[in-house]
Amino acid sequence: IETVQALQKHFNGIAVLKGPGTLVAGPHDKLSRCDAGNPGMASGGMGDALTGSIAGLIAQGFDVYQSVCMG
């Protein structure tokens, strides 16, 4: 948790640490955890798919932090 929060503060954006219990940190001390997923998501290209999903949600008008969490 400390690592994702430090990254968020350093880059002043939204930070995602993918893995078992993916963590998302946003402004104003927002913190979310996703415990869904499976080992197959640790393969090449999954980060690209995640980025595309997030970008698509933002393009549809969702809040950026909400889009990252839904992605």
Protein backbone atom coordinates (compact mmCIF):
# COMPACT_ATOMS: atom_id res chain seq x y z
CA ILE A 1 0.00 0.00 0.00
CA GLU A 2 2.82 2.40 0.89
CA THR A 3 4.47 1.81 -2.50
CA VAL A 4 1.41 2.57 -4.62
CA GLN A 5 0.66 5.64 -2.52
CA ALA A 6 4.25 6.87 -2.90
CA LEU A 7 4.09 6.40 -6.68
CA GLN A 8 0.81 8.31 -6.84
CA LYS A 9 2.21 11.21 -4.85
CA HIS A 10 5.49 11.26 -6.84
CA PHE A 11 3.76 11.38 -10.25
CA ASN A 12 0.67 13.27 -9.03
CA GLY A 13 -1.72 11.03 -10.92
CA ILE A 14 -3.26 7.61 -10.50
CA ALA A 15 -0.99 4.64 -9.80
CA VAL A 16 -1.78 0.97 -10.41
CA LEU A 17 0.24 -1.92 -9.04
CA LYS A 18 -0.95 -5.05 -10.84
CA GLY A 19 -0.73 -8.40 -9.14
CA PRO A 20 -2.60 -10.53 -6.64
CA GLY A 21 -4.66 -7.86 -4.95
CA THR A 22 -4.09 -5.10 -7.53
CA LEU A 23 -3.88 -1.70 -5.86
CA VAL A 24 -5.06 1.62 -7.26
CA ALA A 25 -4.10 4.91 -5.61
CA GLY A 26 -5.56 8.25 -6.60
CA PRO A 27 -5.60 11.84 -5.45
CA HIS A 28 -6.96 12.80 -2.04
CA ASP A 29 -5.77 9.50 -0.52
CA LYS A 30 -8.15 7.37 -2.58
CA LEU A 31 -7.17 3.70 -2.43
CA SER A 32 -8.86 0.68 -3.98
CA ARG A 33 -8.00 -3.01 -4.10
CA CYS A 34 -9.14 -5.55 -6.66
CA ASP A 35 -8.87 -9.18 -5.64
CA ALA A 36 -10.36 -10.52 -8.90
CA GLY A 37 -8.21 -12.00 -11.63
CA ASN A 38 -6.26 -15.14 -12.35
CA PRO A 39 -2.68 -16.23 -13.13
CA GLY A 40 -3.39 -16.01 -16.87
CA MET A 41 -3.46 -12.26 -16.53
CA ALA A 42 0.29 -12.30 -15.85
CA SER A 43 1.03 -12.82 -19.55
CA GLY A 44 2.41 -10.47 -22.15
CA GLY A 45 -0.02 -7.91 -23.48
CA MET A 46 -2.36 -7.87 -20.51
CA GLY A 47 -1.11 -4.43 -19.45
CA ASP A 48 -1.89 -3.19 -22.95
CA ALA A 49 -5.39 -4.66 -22.70
CA LEU A 50 -5.86 -2.99 -19.31
CA THR A 51 -4.72 0.35 -20.71
CA GLY A 52 -7.15 0.03 -23.63
CA SER A 53 -10.03 -0.83 -21.31
CA ILE A 54 -9.28 2.17 -19.12
CA ALA A 55 -8.94 4.51 -22.10
CA GLY A 56 -12.24 3.26 -23.51
CA LEU A 57 -14.04 3.94 -20.25
CA ILE A 58 -12.57 7.45 -20.03
CA ALA A 59 -13.63 8.08 -23.64
CA GLN A 60 -17.19 7.15 -22.65
CA GLY A 61 -17.16 9.88 -20.01
CA PHE A 62 -16.39 7.99 -16.83
CA ASP A 63 -14.25 9.65 -14.15
CA VAL A 64 -10.56 8.75 -14.57
CA TYR A 65 -10.17 7.13 -11.14
CA GLN A 66 -13.42 5.21 -11.59
CA SER A 67 -12.25 4.06 -15.03
CA VAL A 68 -8.98 2.76 -13.64
CA CYS A 69 -10.81 0.86 -10.90
CA MET A 70 -13.31 -0.63 -13.36
CA GLY A 71 -10.52 -1.54 -15.79
